[in-house]
Amino acid sequence: MVRTRTPVVADWFAGEGGDFRLLGTRCTACSSVFFPREDALCRNPGCAGGELVEVPLSRRGRVWSYTDARYRPPEPYVTDRELPWQPYTLIAVELAAERLVVLGQGAPGVSVVDLEVGMEVEVVPGVLNEEGDDETGTVWTTWHWRPTGVAA
């Protein structure tokens, strides 16, 4: 049996390795791009509305802001309460082509001392949480941001 890999949120990202991308939507009427994706209507208040089509977002962007999470967030955040809390880095990344800022965790091993505003980062596949045993458990997948030029 193989552990099941399940996206934390369906249809927000796809691919593996170098083909991994965040997925947004673009309005065909005004060309506004949305992430998280929008599937019902254009969120641009100046647009009369158009069809929304899925688009892969840029793989790279620049750090807009960052911080670290040093405390265990309350429910519904998923965490194993049996294990000690491990701080993690949060990074807000500006995707210039889409004119969006996307928030996400830093890749494992990336801390605030490794970051500076304006530096280039790339989106990579990540794991949010693992449940069950090694043979029948679930791996909840997500995205992480990693400074470019850093090996996986």
N, C-alpha and C. Protein backbone atom coordinates (compact mmCIF):
# COMPACT_ATOMS: atom_id res chain seq x y z
N MET A 1 0.85 -1.19 0.00
CA MET A 1 0.00 0.00 0.00
C MET A 1 0.89 1.24 0.00
N VAL A 2 0.43 2.30 -0.65
CA VAL A 2 1.18 3.54 -0.74
C VAL A 2 0.41 4.64 -0.03
N ARG A 3 1.13 5.53 0.63
CA ARG A 3 0.47 6.66 1.29
C ARG A 3 -0.23 7.51 0.25
N THR A 4 -1.42 7.99 0.59
CA THR A 4 -2.21 8.80 -0.31
C THR A 4 -1.76 10.26 -0.21
N ARG A 5 -1.42 10.85 -1.36
CA ARG A 5 -1.06 12.27 -1.40
C ARG A 5 -2.32 13.04 -1.79
N THR A 6 -2.76 13.93 -0.90
CA THR A 6 -4.01 14.66 -1.10
C THR A 6 -3.76 16.15 -0.96
N PRO A 7 -4.12 16.96 -1.96
CA PRO A 7 -3.96 18.41 -1.83
C PRO A 7 -4.80 18.95 -0.68
N VAL A 8 -4.26 19.88 0.07
CA VAL A 8 -4.99 20.51 1.17
C VAL A 8 -6.23 21.21 0.61
N VAL A 9 -6.07 21.87 -0.53
CA VAL A 9 -7.20 22.52 -1.21
C VAL A 9 -7.17 22.07 -2.67
N ALA A 10 -8.23 21.46 -3.13
CA ALA A 10 -8.29 20.96 -4.51
C ALA A 10 -8.22 22.10 -5.52
N ASP A 11 -7.49 21.88 -6.58
CA ASP A 11 -7.42 22.78 -7.74
C ASP A 11 -6.71 24.10 -7.48
N TRP A 12 -5.93 24.21 -6.39
CA TRP A 12 -5.16 25.43 -6.16
C TRP A 12 -3.72 25.28 -6.65
N PHE A 13 -3.28 24.05 -6.90
CA PHE A 13 -1.93 23.80 -7.40
C PHE A 13 -1.91 22.44 -8.08
N ALA A 14 -0.89 22.25 -8.93
CA ALA A 14 -0.78 20.99 -9.67
C ALA A 14 0.66 20.78 -10.11
N GLY A 15 0.98 19.54 -10.42
CA GLY A 15 2.30 19.22 -10.95
C GLY A 15 3.24 18.72 -9.88
N GLU A 16 4.42 18.34 -10.32
CA GLU A 16 5.47 17.84 -9.44
C GLU A 16 6.79 18.48 -9.86
N GLY A 17 7.70 18.60 -8.92
CA GLY A 17 9.05 19.09 -9.22
C GLY A 17 9.06 20.39 -9.98
N GLY A 18 9.77 20.42 -11.11
CA GLY A 18 9.91 21.64 -11.92
C GLY A 18 8.65 22.05 -12.64
N ASP A 19 7.63 21.17 -12.68
CA ASP A 19 6.36 21.50 -13.32
C ASP A 19 5.30 21.96 -12.32
N PHE A 20 5.68 22.07 -11.05
CA PHE A 20 4.73 22.45 -10.01
C PHE A 20 4.31 23.91 -10.19
N ARG A 21 3.01 24.18 -10.14
CA ARG A 21 2.48 25.53 -10.32
C ARG A 21 1.29 25.77 -9.42
N LEU A 22 1.14 27.01 -8.97
CA LEU A 22 -0.11 27.44 -8.37
C LEU A 22 -1.08 27.68 -9.51
N LEU A 23 -2.37 27.44 -9.27
CA LEU A 23 -3.39 27.63 -10.30
C LEU A 23 -4.33 28.75 -9.87
N GLY A 24 -4.51 29.71 -10.75
CA GLY A 24 -5.46 30.79 -10.52
C GLY A 24 -6.51 30.77 -11.61
N THR A 25 -7.30 31.82 -11.63
CA THR A 25 -8.26 31.98 -12.72
C THR A 25 -8.12 33.39 -13.28
N ARG A 26 -8.45 33.53 -14.56
CA ARG A 26 -8.38 34.82 -15.25
C ARG A 26 -9.73 35.09 -15.89
N CYS A 27 -10.19 36.33 -15.75
CA CYS A 27 -11.44 36.75 -16.38
C CYS A 27 -11.17 37.04 -17.85
N THR A 28 -11.97 36.47 -18.73
CA THR A 28 -11.78 36.69 -20.17
C THR A 28 -12.21 38.09 -20.60
N ALA A 29 -13.01 38.78 -19.78
CA ALA A 29 -13.47 40.12 -20.15
C ALA A 29 -12.44 41.19 -19.78
N CYS A 30 -11.90 41.13 -18.56
CA CYS A 30 -11.01 42.21 -18.10
C CYS A 30 -9.57 41.76 -17.87
N SER A 31 -9.30 40.47 -17.98
CA SER A 31 -7.97 39.87 -17.80
C SER A 31 -7.47 39.89 -16.36
N SER A 32 -8.32 40.21 -15.39
CA SER A 32 -7.91 40.14 -13.98
C SER A 32 -7.62 38.69 -13.62
N VAL A 33 -6.55 38.50 -12.83
CA VAL A 33 -6.15 37.17 -12.39
C VAL A 33 -6.41 37.06 -10.89
N PHE A 34 -6.91 35.89 -10.46
CA PHE A 34 -7.28 35.70 -9.07
C PHE A 34 -6.59 34.48 -8.47
N PHE A 35 -6.11 34.66 -7.25
CA PHE A 35 -5.65 33.56 -6.41
C PHE A 35 -5.91 33.97 -4.98
N PRO A 36 -6.62 33.16 -4.19
CA PRO A 36 -7.13 31.87 -4.60
C PRO A 36 -8.07 32.01 -5.78
N ARG A 37 -8.16 30.93 -6.50
CA ARG A 37 -8.96 30.92 -7.72
C ARG A 37 -10.40 31.33 -7.44
N GLU A 38 -11.02 31.88 -8.45
CA GLU A 38 -12.43 32.27 -8.39
C GLU A 38 -13.13 31.52 -9.51
N ASP A 39 -14.19 30.83 -9.20
CA ASP A 39 -14.88 30.04 -10.22
C ASP A 39 -16.30 30.51 -10.49
N ALA A 40 -16.78 31.50 -9.73
CA ALA A 40 -18.19 31.92 -9.88
C ALA A 40 -18.33 33.20 -10.68
N LEU A 41 -17.59 34.26 -10.29
CA LEU A 41 -17.74 35.53 -10.97
C LEU A 41 -16.48 36.36 -10.82
N CYS A 42 -16.31 37.32 -11.70
CA CYS A 42 -15.15 38.20 -11.67
C CYS A 42 -15.23 39.09 -10.43
N ARG A 43 -14.15 39.14 -9.64
CA ARG A 43 -14.13 39.96 -8.43
C ARG A 43 -13.74 41.40 -8.70
N ASN A 44 -13.42 41.74 -9.94
CA ASN A 44 -13.07 43.11 -10.29
C ASN A 44 -14.35 43.94 -10.32
N PRO A 45 -14.49 44.93 -9.41
CA PRO A 45 -15.75 45.69 -9.35
C PRO A 45 -16.01 46.51 -10.61
N GLY A 46 -14.99 46.78 -11.42
CA GLY A 46 -15.17 47.55 -12.64
C GLY A 46 -15.46 46.70 -13.86
N CYS A 47 -15.65 45.39 -13.66
CA CYS A 47 -15.86 44.48 -14.78
C CYS A 47 -17.31 44.01 -14.80
N ALA A 48 -17.88 43.98 -15.98
CA ALA A 48 -19.24 43.47 -16.13
C ALA A 48 -19.28 41.95 -16.05
N GLY A 49 -18.12 41.34 -16.10
CA GLY A 49 -18.04 39.89 -15.95
C GLY A 49 -17.76 39.18 -17.25
N GLY A 50 -17.05 38.12 -17.13
CA GLY A 50 -16.73 37.28 -18.27
C GLY A 50 -16.52 35.87 -17.79
N GLU A 51 -16.17 35.01 -18.71
CA GLU A 51 -15.87 33.64 -18.34
C GLU A 51 -14.57 33.61 -17.55
N LEU A 52 -14.49 32.74 -16.57
CA LEU A 52 -13.27 32.57 -15.79
C LEU A 52 -12.58 31.30 -16.24
N VAL A 53 -11.31 31.42 -16.62
CA VAL A 53 -10.54 30.28 -17.10
C VAL A 53 -9.35 30.04 -16.18
N GLU A 54 -9.02 28.77 -16.00
CA GLU A 54 -7.88 28.41 -15.15
C GLU A 54 -6.58 28.81 -15.84
N VAL A 55 -5.66 29.37 -15.06
CA VAL A 55 -4.34 29.75 -15.58
C VAL A 55 -3.27 29.34 -14.56
N PRO A 56 -2.15 28.82 -15.05
CA PRO A 56 -1.03 28.56 -14.15
C PRO A 56 -0.37 29.91 -13.82
N LEU A 57 -0.01 30.10 -12.57
CA LEU A 57 0.63 31.34 -12.15
C LEU A 57 2.14 31.24 -12.30
N SER A 58 2.82 32.36 -12.24
CA SER A 58 4.27 32.40 -12.34
C SER A 58 4.89 31.52 -11.26
N ARG A 59 5.95 30.81 -11.60
CA ARG A 59 6.65 29.96 -10.64
C ARG A 59 7.53 30.78 -9.71
N ARG A 60 7.92 31.97 -10.14
CA ARG A 60 8.84 32.80 -9.35
C ARG A 60 8.23 34.15 -9.06
N GLY A 61 8.69 34.72 -7.96
CA GLY A 61 8.26 36.06 -7.56
C GLY A 61 9.28 36.65 -6.62
N ARG A 62 8.96 37.80 -6.06
CA ARG A 62 9.88 38.49 -5.14
C ARG A 62 9.23 38.61 -3.76
N VAL A 63 10.05 38.44 -2.74
CA VAL A 63 9.56 38.54 -1.37
C VAL A 63 9.02 39.95 -1.14
N TRP A 64 7.76 40.03 -0.77
CA TRP A 64 7.09 41.29 -0.46
C TRP A 64 7.17 41.55 1.04
N SER A 65 7.02 40.48 1.83
CA SER A 65 7.14 40.55 3.29
C SER A 65 7.31 39.13 3.82
N TYR A 66 7.71 39.02 5.07
CA TYR A 66 7.87 37.69 5.69
C TYR A 66 7.87 37.82 7.21
N THR A 67 7.59 36.71 7.87
CA THR A 67 7.60 36.64 9.33
C THR A 67 7.75 35.18 9.72
N ASP A 68 7.86 34.93 11.00
CA ASP A 68 7.87 33.54 11.46
C ASP A 68 6.73 33.30 12.44
N ALA A 69 6.26 32.08 12.45
CA ALA A 69 5.17 31.67 13.34
C ALA A 69 5.79 30.89 14.48
N ARG A 70 5.91 31.52 15.62
CA ARG A 70 6.58 30.89 16.76
C ARG A 70 5.62 30.26 17.75
N TYR A 71 4.32 30.36 17.51
CA TYR A 71 3.35 29.76 18.43
C TYR A 71 2.47 28.79 17.66
N ARG A 72 1.88 27.86 18.36
CA ARG A 72 0.98 26.88 17.76
C ARG A 72 -0.38 27.56 17.56
N PRO A 73 -0.85 27.70 16.31
CA PRO A 73 -2.15 28.33 16.09
C PRO A 73 -3.29 27.45 16.63
N PRO A 74 -4.41 28.08 16.94
CA PRO A 74 -5.56 27.31 17.45
C PRO A 74 -6.23 26.52 16.33
N GLU A 75 -7.14 25.62 16.71
CA GLU A 75 -7.97 24.89 15.75
C GLU A 75 -8.70 25.91 14.89
N PRO A 76 -8.95 25.67 13.63
CA PRO A 76 -8.88 24.37 12.96
C PRO A 76 -7.53 24.06 12.35
N TYR A 77 -6.47 24.85 12.67
CA TYR A 77 -5.15 24.53 12.14
C TYR A 77 -4.79 23.10 12.51
N VAL A 78 -4.30 22.33 11.54
CA VAL A 78 -4.00 20.92 11.76
C VAL A 78 -2.57 20.79 12.27
N THR A 79 -2.44 20.21 13.44
CA THR A 79 -1.12 19.96 14.00
C THR A 79 -1.21 18.79 14.98
N ASP A 80 -0.15 18.04 15.08
CA ASP A 80 -0.12 16.91 16.01
C ASP A 80 0.20 17.46 17.40
N ARG A 81 -0.79 17.49 18.25
CA ARG A 81 -0.65 18.05 19.60
C ARG A 81 0.28 17.21 20.48
N GLU A 82 0.62 16.00 20.04
CA GLU A 82 1.52 15.13 20.79
C GLU A 82 2.99 15.53 20.59
N LEU A 83 3.27 16.23 19.50
CA LEU A 83 4.65 16.61 19.17
C LEU A 83 4.92 18.05 19.60
N PRO A 84 6.17 18.38 19.91
CA PRO A 84 6.49 19.77 20.25
C PRO A 84 6.29 20.67 19.02
N TRP A 85 5.92 21.90 19.26
CA TRP A 85 5.68 22.86 18.18
C TRP A 85 6.98 23.21 17.47
N GLN A 86 6.95 23.22 16.14
CA GLN A 86 8.09 23.62 15.32
C GLN A 86 7.75 24.92 14.60
N PRO A 87 8.43 26.02 14.91
CA PRO A 87 8.14 27.27 14.21
C PRO A 87 8.37 27.11 12.70
N TYR A 88 7.69 27.95 11.92
CA TYR A 88 7.87 27.94 10.47
C TYR A 88 7.83 29.38 9.96
N THR A 89 8.29 29.57 8.75
CA THR A 89 8.36 30.89 8.14
C THR A 89 7.18 31.10 7.20
N LEU A 90 6.57 32.27 7.25
CA LEU A 90 5.52 32.68 6.32
C LEU A 90 6.09 33.74 5.39
N ILE A 91 5.83 33.58 4.09
CA ILE A 91 6.38 34.50 3.09
C ILE A 91 5.26 35.00 2.19
N ALA A 92 5.18 36.32 2.05
CA ALA A 92 4.26 36.94 1.09
C ALA A 92 5.09 37.25 -0.16
N VAL A 93 4.66 36.70 -1.29
CA VAL A 93 5.44 36.80 -2.53
C VAL A 93 4.64 37.56 -3.58
N GLU A 94 5.26 38.56 -4.17
CA GLU A 94 4.63 39.32 -5.24
C GLU A 94 4.95 38.68 -6.59
N LEU A 95 3.89 38.29 -7.30
CA LEU A 95 4.03 37.76 -8.66
C LEU A 95 3.81 38.94 -9.59
N ALA A 96 4.87 39.46 -10.16
CA ALA A 96 4.79 40.69 -10.95
C ALA A 96 3.90 40.55 -12.17
N ALA A 97 4.00 39.43 -12.88
CA ALA A 97 3.21 39.25 -14.10
C ALA A 97 1.71 39.28 -13.81
N GLU A 98 1.31 38.71 -12.68
CA GLU A 98 -0.11 38.63 -12.33
C GLU A 98 -0.58 39.80 -11.46
N ARG A 99 0.38 40.57 -10.94
CA ARG A 99 0.10 41.69 -10.04
C ARG A 99 -0.67 41.22 -8.81
N LEU A 100 -0.16 40.12 -8.21
CA LEU A 100 -0.75 39.50 -7.03
C LEU A 100 0.30 39.30 -5.96
N VAL A 101 -0.12 39.29 -4.71
CA VAL A 101 0.73 38.86 -3.60
C VAL A 101 0.12 37.57 -3.05
N VAL A 102 0.93 36.51 -3.01
CA VAL A 102 0.48 35.19 -2.57
C VAL A 102 1.25 34.80 -1.32
N LEU A 103 0.52 34.41 -0.29
CA LEU A 103 1.12 34.00 0.97
C LEU A 103 1.35 32.50 0.99
N GLY A 104 2.41 32.06 1.62
CA GLY A 104 2.67 30.64 1.78
C GLY A 104 3.79 30.41 2.77
N GLN A 105 3.95 29.17 3.18
CA GLN A 105 5.04 28.83 4.09
C GLN A 105 6.35 28.77 3.34
N GLY A 106 7.43 29.04 4.06
CA GLY A 106 8.75 28.82 3.52
C GLY A 106 9.02 27.32 3.47
N ALA A 107 9.84 26.90 2.55
CA ALA A 107 10.22 25.49 2.46
C ALA A 107 10.94 25.08 3.73
N PRO A 108 10.90 23.79 4.09
CA PRO A 108 11.63 23.34 5.29
C PRO A 108 13.08 23.80 5.24
N GLY A 109 13.55 24.33 6.35
CA GLY A 109 14.91 24.82 6.45
C GLY A 109 15.07 26.29 6.12
N VAL A 110 14.05 26.93 5.55
CA VAL A 110 14.12 28.36 5.23
C VAL A 110 13.61 29.13 6.45
N SER A 111 14.44 30.02 6.97
CA SER A 111 14.05 30.82 8.12
C SER A 111 14.13 32.30 7.76
N VAL A 112 13.67 33.15 8.66
CA VAL A 112 13.68 34.59 8.38
C VAL A 112 15.09 35.12 8.16
N VAL A 113 16.10 34.49 8.71
CA VAL A 113 17.48 34.96 8.48
C VAL A 113 17.94 34.70 7.05
N ASP A 114 17.23 33.82 6.32
CA ASP A 114 17.58 33.52 4.93
C ASP A 114 16.89 34.45 3.94
N LEU A 115 16.01 35.32 4.42
CA LEU A 115 15.16 36.11 3.54
C LEU A 115 15.44 37.60 3.64
N GLU A 116 15.11 38.30 2.55
CA GLU A 116 15.09 39.76 2.57
C GLU A 116 14.06 40.22 1.55
N VAL A 117 13.45 41.35 1.84
CA VAL A 117 12.44 41.89 0.93
C VAL A 117 13.08 42.13 -0.43
N GLY A 118 12.40 41.70 -1.49
CA GLY A 118 12.87 41.89 -2.85
C GLY A 118 13.63 40.72 -3.43
N MET A 119 14.03 39.75 -2.59
CA MET A 119 14.78 38.62 -3.15
C MET A 119 13.85 37.69 -3.92
N GLU A 120 14.41 36.99 -4.89
CA GLU A 120 13.62 36.09 -5.72
C GLU A 120 13.41 34.75 -5.02
N VAL A 121 12.16 34.25 -5.09
CA VAL A 121 11.81 32.94 -4.56
C VAL A 121 11.02 32.19 -5.62
N GLU A 122 10.91 30.88 -5.44
CA GLU A 122 10.14 30.06 -6.37
C GLU A 122 9.19 29.16 -5.58
N VAL A 123 8.10 28.80 -6.22
CA VAL A 123 7.12 27.92 -5.59
C VAL A 123 7.56 26.48 -5.79
N VAL A 124 7.46 25.68 -4.73
CA VAL A 124 7.84 24.26 -4.79
C VAL A 124 6.76 23.44 -4.06
N PRO A 125 6.63 22.15 -4.40
CA PRO A 125 5.66 21.32 -3.69
C PRO A 125 6.06 21.17 -2.23
N GLY A 126 5.06 21.08 -1.36
CA GLY A 126 5.34 20.94 0.07
C GLY A 126 4.35 20.01 0.74
N VAL A 127 4.63 19.73 1.99
CA VAL A 127 3.75 18.90 2.82
C VAL A 127 3.30 19.72 4.01
N LEU A 128 2.00 19.77 4.23
CA LEU A 128 1.45 20.47 5.38
C LEU A 128 1.37 19.55 6.60
N ASN A 129 0.93 18.31 6.37
CA ASN A 129 0.70 17.42 7.49
C ASN A 129 0.69 15.97 6.98
N GLU A 130 1.00 15.04 7.85
CA GLU A 130 0.93 13.62 7.53
C GLU A 130 0.11 12.94 8.61
N GLU A 131 -0.78 12.05 8.17
CA GLU A 131 -1.65 11.32 9.10
C GLU A 131 -1.52 9.83 8.87
N GLY A 132 -1.76 9.06 9.90
CA GLY A 132 -1.76 7.61 9.77
C GLY A 132 -0.37 7.03 9.75
N ASP A 133 -0.30 5.75 9.36
CA ASP A 133 0.99 5.07 9.36
C ASP A 133 1.68 5.20 8.01
N ASP A 134 2.90 4.65 7.93
CA ASP A 134 3.72 4.79 6.72
C ASP A 134 3.14 4.08 5.51
N GLU A 135 2.23 3.13 5.71
CA GLU A 135 1.70 2.37 4.58
C GLU A 135 0.32 2.81 4.14
N THR A 136 -0.50 3.28 5.05
CA THR A 136 -1.88 3.61 4.68
C THR A 136 -2.27 5.03 5.05
N GLY A 137 -1.32 5.85 5.43
CA GLY A 137 -1.63 7.20 5.85
C GLY A 137 -1.88 8.15 4.70
N THR A 138 -2.17 9.39 5.06
CA THR A 138 -2.40 10.46 4.08
C THR A 138 -1.34 11.53 4.24
N VAL A 139 -0.79 11.97 3.12
CA VAL A 139 0.13 13.10 3.09
C VAL A 139 -0.65 14.27 2.51
N TRP A 140 -0.86 15.30 3.32
CA TRP A 140 -1.60 16.50 2.88
C TRP A 140 -0.60 17.45 2.23
N THR A 141 -0.75 17.67 0.91
CA THR A 141 0.21 18.47 0.16
C THR A 141 -0.24 19.92 0.03
N THR A 142 0.74 20.80 -0.15
CA THR A 142 0.51 22.24 -0.29
C THR A 142 1.65 22.82 -1.12
N TRP A 143 1.86 24.12 -1.04
CA TRP A 143 2.99 24.76 -1.72
C TRP A 143 3.86 25.43 -0.68
N HIS A 144 5.13 25.59 -1.01
CA HIS A 144 6.09 26.31 -0.19
C HIS A 144 6.84 27.28 -1.09
N TRP A 145 7.43 28.30 -0.48
CA TRP A 145 8.31 29.23 -1.19
C TRP A 145 9.74 28.95 -0.77
N ARG A 146 10.65 28.95 -1.75
CA ARG A 146 12.05 28.69 -1.51
C ARG A 146 12.89 29.71 -2.28
N PRO A 147 13.91 30.30 -1.63
CA PRO A 147 14.79 31.20 -2.39
C PRO A 147 15.37 30.48 -3.60
N THR A 148 15.46 31.18 -4.73
CA THR A 148 16.00 30.55 -5.93
C THR A 148 17.47 30.21 -5.71
N GLY A 149 17.91 29.17 -6.37
CA GLY A 149 19.30 28.75 -6.24
C GLY A 149 19.55 27.85 -5.04
N VAL A 150 18.51 27.51 -4.27
CA VAL A 150 18.64 26.61 -3.13
C VAL A 150 18.18 25.23 -3.56
N ALA A 151 19.00 24.22 -3.34
CA ALA A 151 18.65 22.85 -3.76
C ALA A 151 17.46 22.35 -2.96
N ALA A 152 16.67 21.50 -3.61
CA ALA A 152 15.49 20.91 -2.95
C ALA A 152 15.87 19.94 -1.86
